[in-house]
Protein backbone atom coordinates (compact mmCIF):
# COMPACT_ATOMS: atom_id res chain seq x y z
CA UNK A 1 -6.21 17.89 -0.39
CA UNK A 2 -8.90 15.79 1.23
CA UNK A 3 -9.05 15.75 5.16
CA UNK A 4 -10.03 12.39 5.42
CA UNK A 5 -7.53 9.13 5.73
CA UNK A 6 -5.04 8.79 3.06
CA UNK A 7 -3.84 5.57 1.33
CA UNK A 8 -1.00 6.13 -0.78
CA UNK A 9 0.55 3.25 -2.96
CA UNK A 10 3.49 3.84 -5.35
CA UNK A 11 5.38 1.32 -7.45
CA UNK A 12 8.30 3.10 -9.01
CA UNK A 13 12.09 2.49 -10.95
CA UNK A 14 12.96 5.63 -9.51
CA UNK A 15 15.00 6.61 -6.42
CA UNK A 16 12.37 6.71 -3.37
CA UNK A 17 12.13 9.77 -1.14
CA UNK A 18 11.56 9.57 2.36
CA UNK A 19 10.48 13.09 2.64
CA UNK A 20 8.03 12.41 -0.35
CA UNK A 21 6.58 9.56 2.03
CA UNK A 22 6.64 11.55 5.29
CA UNK A 23 5.07 14.26 3.33
CA UNK A 24 2.15 11.97 2.43
CA UNK A 25 0.91 11.02 5.64
CA UNK A 26 1.55 14.58 7.53
CA UNK A 27 -1.27 15.90 9.56
CA UNK A 28 -1.85 18.56 11.80
CA UNK A 29 -4.31 15.98 13.93
CA UNK A 30 -1.28 13.70 14.09
CA UNK A 31 1.67 14.06 16.74
CA UNK A 32 3.54 10.43 15.16
CA UNK A 33 4.91 9.45 12.18
CA UNK A 34 6.29 6.06 11.76
CA UNK A 35 8.19 5.08 9.20
CA UNK A 36 10.41 1.94 8.11
CA UNK A 37 12.78 1.96 5.51
CA UNK A 38 13.98 -1.02 3.93
CA UNK A 39 17.47 -1.13 2.43
CA UNK A 40 19.12 -3.58 0.13
CA UNK A 41 22.24 -4.99 2.31
CA UNK A 42 25.12 -6.37 1.12
CA UNK A 43 24.88 -10.30 2.16
CA UNK A 44 26.59 -13.58 1.51
CA UNK A 45 25.43 -16.52 0.17
CA UNK A 46 27.39 -19.22 -0.67
CA UNK A 47 30.68 -17.69 -0.98
CA UNK A 48 28.60 -14.69 -3.21
CA UNK A 49 28.16 -11.34 -2.25
CA UNK A 50 25.05 -9.68 -3.39
CA UNK A 51 25.82 -6.45 -5.05
CA UNK A 52 21.78 -5.47 -5.77
CA UNK A 53 18.41 -6.75 -5.90
CA UNK A 54 16.22 -6.80 -8.96
CA UNK A 55 12.31 -6.05 -8.06
CA UNK A 56 9.27 -7.22 -10.20
CA UNK A 57 5.72 -6.74 -9.54
CA UNK A 58 1.95 -7.57 -10.53
CA UNK A 59 0.54 -4.04 -10.66
CA UNK A 60 -2.80 -4.60 -10.40
CA UNK A 61 -2.86 -6.96 -7.89
CA UNK A 62 -0.27 -5.40 -5.82
CA UNK A 63 -2.92 -2.30 -5.61
CA UNK A 64 -5.96 -4.74 -4.58
CA UNK A 65 -3.32 -6.27 -1.79
CA UNK A 66 -2.26 -2.96 -0.51
CA UNK A 67 -6.04 -1.84 -0.23
CA UNK A 68 -6.99 -4.78 1.83
CA UNK A 69 -3.81 -4.10 3.45
CA UNK A 70 -4.81 -0.69 4.62
CA UNK A 71 -8.43 -1.48 5.65
CA UNK A 72 -6.48 -4.34 8.18
CA UNK A 73 -4.67 -1.63 9.76
CA UNK A 74 -7.40 0.44 10.00
CA UNK A 75 -9.53 -2.25 11.66
CA UNK A 76 -6.91 -3.05 13.96
CA UNK A 77 -5.42 0.36 14.88
CA UNK A 78 -8.60 2.99 14.60
CA UNK A 79 -6.42 6.23 15.45
CA UNK A 80 -4.19 5.60 12.20
CA UNK A 81 -4.73 8.72 9.92
CA UNK A 82 -2.78 8.41 6.71
CA UNK A 83 -0.76 5.26 5.42
CA UNK A 84 1.80 5.58 2.51
CA UNK A 85 4.09 3.06 0.98
CA UNK A 86 6.57 3.45 -1.82
CA UNK A 87 8.14 0.26 -3.38
CA UNK A 88 10.91 0.30 -5.92
CA UNK A 89 10.96 -1.97 -8.96
CA UNK A 90 13.75 -3.02 -11.15
CA UNK A 91 17.62 -2.57 -9.97
CA UNK A 92 18.28 -1.49 -6.44
CA UNK A 93 22.21 -1.62 -5.45
CA UNK A 94 23.28 -2.04 -1.75
CA UNK A 95 22.70 0.87 0.36
CA UNK A 96 19.66 2.31 -1.48
CA UNK A 97 16.00 1.91 -0.33
CA UNK A 98 13.60 -0.80 -1.62
CA UNK A 99 11.04 0.48 0.39
CA UNK A 100 9.83 3.59 2.16
CA UNK A 101 6.59 3.40 4.20
CA UNK A 102 4.72 5.95 6.74
CA UNK A 103 1.68 5.63 8.69
CA UNK A 104 0.63 8.83 11.05
CA UNK A 105 -1.47 8.75 13.99
CA UNK A 106 -2.42 10.92 16.79
CA UNK A 107 0.42 9.20 19.22
CA UNK A 108 2.94 6.75 18.89
CA UNK A 109 2.11 3.52 20.06
CA UNK A 110 -0.50 2.59 17.05
CA UNK A 111 1.60 4.16 14.59
CA UNK A 112 4.37 1.95 15.85
CA UNK A 113 2.65 -0.98 15.92
CA UNK A 114 0.65 -0.83 12.55
CA UNK A 115 4.24 0.37 10.64
CA UNK A 116 5.57 -3.21 11.75
CA UNK A 117 2.50 -5.52 10.68
CA UNK A 118 2.75 -3.23 7.59
CA UNK A 119 5.96 -4.43 6.81
CA UNK A 120 5.23 -7.81 7.42
CA UNK A 121 1.93 -7.78 6.06
CA UNK A 122 3.58 -6.38 2.76
CA UNK A 123 5.99 -9.07 2.45
CA UNK A 124 3.55 -12.05 3.16
CA UNK A 125 0.71 -10.75 0.47
CA UNK A 126 1.79 -8.11 -1.82
CA UNK A 127 2.80 -9.87 -4.90
CA UNK A 128 6.47 -8.00 -5.12
CA UNK A 129 9.46 -10.49 -6.34
CA UNK A 130 13.18 -9.53 -5.73
CA UNK A 131 16.05 -11.42 -7.42
CA UNK A 132 19.68 -11.19 -5.78
CA UNK A 133 22.46 -10.34 -8.01
CA UNK A 134 25.67 -11.08 -7.20
CA UNK A 135 29.31 -10.29 -7.68
CA UNK A 136 29.62 -13.39 -9.89
CA UNK A 137 26.99 -12.21 -11.94
CA UNK A 138 24.56 -14.93 -11.06
CA UNK A 139 21.27 -14.44 -9.62
CA UNK A 140 18.46 -16.19 -7.81
CA UNK A 141 14.87 -15.36 -6.97
CA UNK A 142 14.20 -15.28 -3.72
CA UNK A 143 10.98 -15.93 -1.50
CA UNK A 144 10.06 -14.15 1.75
CA UNK A 145 9.77 -16.11 4.52
CA UNK A 146 6.44 -14.68 5.46
CA UNK A 147 4.69 -15.34 2.25
CA UNK A 148 1.87 -18.14 2.79
CA UNK A 149 3.20 -19.92 -0.23
CA UNK A 150 6.67 -19.93 0.93
CA UNK A 151 8.81 -23.20 1.50
CA UNK A 152 10.68 -21.44 3.99
CA UNK A 153 7.49 -20.57 6.04
CA UNK A 154 8.27 -21.62 9.89
CA UNK A 155 5.55 -22.99 12.22
CA UNK A 156 3.68 -20.64 14.08
CA UNK A 157 5.36 -20.01 17.57
CA UNK A 158 3.23 -22.00 19.61
CA UNK A 159 3.82 -25.25 17.46
CA UNK A 160 6.12 -27.93 17.56
CA UNK A 161 8.32 -28.28 14.72
CA UNK A 162 6.26 -31.04 13.10
CA UNK A 163 3.41 -28.20 12.98
CA UNK A 164 1.38 -29.71 15.81
CA UNK A 165 -0.11 -27.59 18.68
CA UNK A 166 2.32 -27.58 21.99
């Protein structure tokens, strides 16, 4: 395997392995591996219980957006060594991982900040869509509040509720 920085992105219909993601970013020059695991949670919506999520993606664009995200992370945290994100597609039942990501760095601070940025930007920009499936057999597509096109989008923190700066 090359000694330079690695950026690994995988969309899969299969169960996600945390160890595989950690192994992809391991490096003898790094003392920290920051990991985020997003799991499908049992939630309630209008008296219906979520039993799972169904994910779809536009894979070529998802890869392109991931590449942009990696470039952004590396510009912000230059000590980041390797980045790996695996995201499920298809059916993901409650309790299973939907996304596993890891970032290695020589020290923990940069990796921890980068992993937080990575999940936020992944949800905002990478074209992966989720549908909640309920115990009533009904389903509903959900949008991430982070998306620039989201109708749930909240105004930036330093603005009033009308969107104007304070």
